[in-house]
Amino acid sequence: MDNEREIVVFKDEDGTEYEMEIVEYFEYDNEDYAMLIEVDTEHEHTEDCDENGCVDEVADVYIMQVEVDDESGEEILHPIADDKLDEIVDALDEFFDEEEGLEEETELQLN
């Protein structure tokens, strides 16, 4: 299991830095996106934590478009326009609802 976290640092107009962890990459409408959460330096991990996060941990999720710089190969993260973000969030909600439904169906078949 790979426990290495992918951390990026953003700086706002006041110079305040924010550490974010990229928790997932996905493609939507032929474009690449990343799901990020703020790094919680106060949280103490327990045996309930794994590569998917911690049980009972609530975090805001941020979505940014991913572009790869042709010259350096580095990823550049861009904010998303509100209308496109709404479209992506709706699609993700639908995806996770379907996934949850499949898990529940599998549990019923196993019992």
C-alpha atoms as a PDB file:
ATOM      1  CA  MET A   1       0.000   0.000   0.000  1.00  0.00           C
ATOM      2  CA  ASP A   2       1.356   3.400  -1.016  1.00  0.00           C
ATOM      3  CA  ASN A   3       0.822   5.866   1.843  1.00  0.00           C
ATOM      4  CA  GLU A   4       2.646   8.768   0.209  1.00  0.00           C
ATOM      5  CA  ARG A   5       0.390  11.822   0.153  1.00  0.00           C
ATOM      6  CA  GLU A   6       0.415  14.311  -2.707  1.00  0.00           C
ATOM      7  CA  ILE A   7       0.479  17.741  -1.073  1.00  0.00           C
ATOM      8  CA  VAL A   8       0.281  21.061  -2.939  1.00  0.00           C
ATOM      9  CA  VAL A   9       0.570  24.542  -1.449  1.00  0.00           C
ATOM     10  CA  PHE A  10      -1.555  27.482  -2.577  1.00  0.00           C
ATOM     11  CA  LYS A  11      -0.920  31.086  -1.613  1.00  0.00           C
ATOM     12  CA  ASP A  12      -3.732  33.660  -1.530  1.00  0.00           C
ATOM     13  CA  GLU A  13      -3.448  37.364  -2.345  1.00  0.00           C
ATOM     14  CA  ASP A  14      -2.536  38.119   1.300  1.00  0.00           C
ATOM     15  CA  GLY A  15       0.354  35.642   1.229  1.00  0.00           C
ATOM     16  CA  THR A  16      -1.385  33.082   3.439  1.00  0.00           C
ATOM     17  CA  GLU A  17      -0.409  29.540   2.478  1.00  0.00           C
ATOM     18  CA  TYR A  18      -2.869  26.645   2.336  1.00  0.00           C
ATOM     19  CA  GLU A  19      -1.755  23.031   2.145  1.00  0.00           C
ATOM     20  CA  MET A  20      -4.064  20.793   0.138  1.00  0.00           C
ATOM     21  CA  GLU A  21      -3.883  17.065  -0.457  1.00  0.00           C
ATOM     22  CA  ILE A  22      -4.844  15.644  -3.834  1.00  0.00           C
ATOM     23  CA  VAL A  23      -7.011  12.663  -2.953  1.00  0.00           C
ATOM     24  CA  GLU A  24      -8.228  11.663  -6.410  1.00  0.00           C
ATOM     25  CA  TYR A  25      -7.788  12.394 -10.085  1.00  0.00           C
ATOM     26  CA  PHE A  26     -10.639  11.907 -12.536  1.00  0.00           C
ATOM     27  CA  GLU A  27     -11.640  12.725 -16.083  1.00  0.00           C
ATOM     28  CA  TYR A  28     -14.849  14.487 -17.041  1.00  0.00           C
ATOM     29  CA  ASP A  29     -15.859  15.645 -20.506  1.00  0.00           C
ATOM     30  CA  ASN A  30     -12.365  14.782 -21.837  1.00  0.00           C
ATOM     31  CA  GLU A  31     -10.649  17.042 -19.301  1.00  0.00           C
ATOM     32  CA  ASP A  32      -8.601  16.086 -16.234  1.00  0.00           C
ATOM     33  CA  TYR A  33      -9.556  17.172 -12.724  1.00  0.00           C
ATOM     34  CA  ALA A  34      -8.308  16.675  -9.179  1.00  0.00           C
ATOM     35  CA  MET A  35     -10.228  16.404  -5.913  1.00  0.00           C
ATOM     36  CA  LEU A  36      -8.422  18.098  -3.033  1.00  0.00           C
ATOM     37  CA  ILE A  37      -8.961  18.478   0.708  1.00  0.00           C
ATOM     38  CA  GLU A  38      -7.265  20.815   3.158  1.00  0.00           C
ATOM     39  CA  VAL A  39      -4.449  19.178   5.094  1.00  0.00           C
ATOM     40  CA  ASP A  40      -5.498  18.878   8.724  1.00  0.00           C
ATOM     41  CA  THR A  41      -2.331  19.227  10.778  1.00  0.00           C
ATOM     42  CA  GLU A  42      -4.331  18.936  14.015  1.00  0.00           C
ATOM     43  CA  HIS A  43      -5.817  15.502  13.209  1.00  0.00           C
ATOM     44  CA  GLU A  44      -4.253  12.460  14.850  1.00  0.00           C
ATOM     45  CA  HIS A  45      -4.561   9.362  12.660  1.00  0.00           C
ATOM     46  CA  THR A  46      -5.814   6.137  14.251  1.00  0.00           C
ATOM     47  CA  GLU A  47      -6.218   2.536  13.117  1.00  0.00           C
ATOM     48  CA  ASP A  48      -9.484   3.645  11.432  1.00  0.00           C
ATOM     49  CA  CYS A  49      -7.476   5.707   8.921  1.00  0.00           C
ATOM     50  CA  ASP A  50      -6.290   4.248   5.636  1.00  0.00           C
ATOM     51  CA  GLU A  51      -5.379   5.439   2.144  1.00  0.00           C
ATOM     52  CA  ASN A  52      -9.029   6.478   1.647  1.00  0.00           C
ATOM     53  CA  GLY A  53      -9.105   8.755   4.673  1.00  0.00           C
ATOM     54  CA  CYS A  54     -10.326   8.475   8.228  1.00  0.00           C
ATOM     55  CA  VAL A  55     -13.650   7.228   9.484  1.00  0.00           C
ATOM     56  CA  ASP A  56     -15.909  10.020  10.734  1.00  0.00           C
ATOM     57  CA  GLU A  57     -13.601  12.644   9.252  1.00  0.00           C
ATOM     58  CA  VAL A  58     -15.499  15.446   7.521  1.00  0.00           C
ATOM     59  CA  ALA A  59     -13.659  17.653   5.059  1.00  0.00           C
ATOM     60  CA  ASP A  60     -14.536  20.175   2.395  1.00  0.00           C
ATOM     61  CA  VAL A  61     -13.686  18.888  -1.061  1.00  0.00           C
ATOM     62  CA  TYR A  62     -12.248  21.190  -3.699  1.00  0.00           C
ATOM     63  CA  ILE A  63     -12.169  20.406  -7.406  1.00  0.00           C
ATOM     64  CA  MET A  64      -9.645  21.922  -9.787  1.00  0.00           C
ATOM     65  CA  GLN A  65      -8.835  21.377 -13.428  1.00  0.00           C
ATOM     66  CA  VAL A  66      -5.473  19.753 -14.112  1.00  0.00           C
ATOM     67  CA  GLU A  67      -3.280  20.871 -16.990  1.00  0.00           C
ATOM     68  CA  VAL A  68       0.139  19.393 -17.712  1.00  0.00           C
ATOM     69  CA  ASP A  69       2.795  21.886 -18.805  1.00  0.00           C
ATOM     70  CA  ASP A  70       4.186  20.689 -22.146  1.00  0.00           C
ATOM     71  CA  GLU A  71       7.739  21.810 -21.384  1.00  0.00           C
ATOM     72  CA  SER A  72       8.215  20.837 -17.734  1.00  0.00           C
ATOM     73  CA  GLY A  73       5.646  18.037 -17.474  1.00  0.00           C
ATOM     74  CA  GLU A  74       4.453  19.544 -14.193  1.00  0.00           C
ATOM     75  CA  GLU A  75       0.792  19.655 -13.254  1.00  0.00           C
ATOM     76  CA  ILE A  76      -0.871  23.058 -13.076  1.00  0.00           C
ATOM     77  CA  LEU A  77      -4.126  23.317 -11.122  1.00  0.00           C
ATOM     78  CA  HIS A  78      -6.741  25.830 -12.247  1.00  0.00           C
ATOM     79  CA  PRO A  79      -9.989  26.951 -10.617  1.00  0.00           C
ATOM     80  CA  ILE A  80     -13.173  25.971 -12.451  1.00  0.00           C
ATOM     81  CA  ALA A  81     -15.962  28.301 -13.584  1.00  0.00           C
ATOM     82  CA  ASP A  82     -19.053  27.993 -11.369  1.00  0.00           C
ATOM     83  CA  ASP A  83     -21.339  26.637 -14.115  1.00  0.00           C
ATOM     84  CA  LYS A  84     -18.822  23.918 -15.059  1.00  0.00           C
ATOM     85  CA  LEU A  85     -18.231  23.134 -11.382  1.00  0.00           C
ATOM     86  CA  ASP A  86     -21.979  22.634 -10.821  1.00  0.00           C
ATOM     87  CA  GLU A  87     -22.061  20.249 -13.791  1.00  0.00           C
ATOM     88  CA  ILE A  88     -19.095  18.253 -12.457  1.00  0.00           C
ATOM     89  CA  VAL A  89     -20.507  18.079  -8.916  1.00  0.00           C
ATOM     90  CA  ASP A  90     -23.833  16.781 -10.264  1.00  0.00           C
ATOM     91  CA  ALA A  91     -22.012  14.098 -12.257  1.00  0.00           C
ATOM     92  CA  LEU A  92     -19.909  13.101  -9.227  1.00  0.00           C
ATOM     93  CA  ASP A  93     -23.011  12.925  -7.007  1.00  0.00           C
ATOM     94  CA  GLU A  94     -24.650  10.630  -9.542  1.00  0.00           C
ATOM     95  CA  PHE A  95     -21.512   8.478  -9.789  1.00  0.00           C
ATOM     96  CA  PHE A  96     -21.188   8.085  -6.010  1.00  0.00           C
ATOM     97  CA  ASP A  97     -24.929   7.370  -5.635  1.00  0.00           C
ATOM     98  CA  GLU A  98     -24.584   4.593  -8.214  1.00  0.00           C
ATOM     99  CA  GLU A  99     -21.483   3.224  -6.473  1.00  0.00           C
ATOM    100  CA  GLU A 100     -23.287   3.255  -3.122  1.00  0.00           C
ATOM    101  CA  GLY A 101     -26.260   1.468  -4.677  1.00  0.00           C
ATOM    102  CA  LEU A 102     -23.990  -1.230  -6.111  1.00  0.00           C
ATOM    103  CA  GLU A 103     -22.314  -1.733  -2.727  1.00  0.00           C
ATOM    104  CA  GLU A 104     -25.690  -2.067  -0.986  1.00  0.00           C
ATOM    105  CA  GLU A 105     -26.899  -4.497  -3.659  1.00  0.00           C
ATOM    106  CA  THR A 106     -23.744  -6.608  -3.244  1.00  0.00           C
ATOM    107  CA  GLU A 107     -24.190  -6.642   0.554  1.00  0.00           C
ATOM    108  CA  LEU A 108     -27.797  -7.830   0.171  1.00  0.00           C
ATOM    109  CA  GLN A 109     -26.732 -10.622  -2.181  1.00  0.00           C
ATOM    110  CA  LEU A 110     -24.008 -11.747   0.230  1.00  0.00           C
ATOM    111  CA  ASN A 111     -26.358 -11.904   3.221  1.00  0.00           C
END
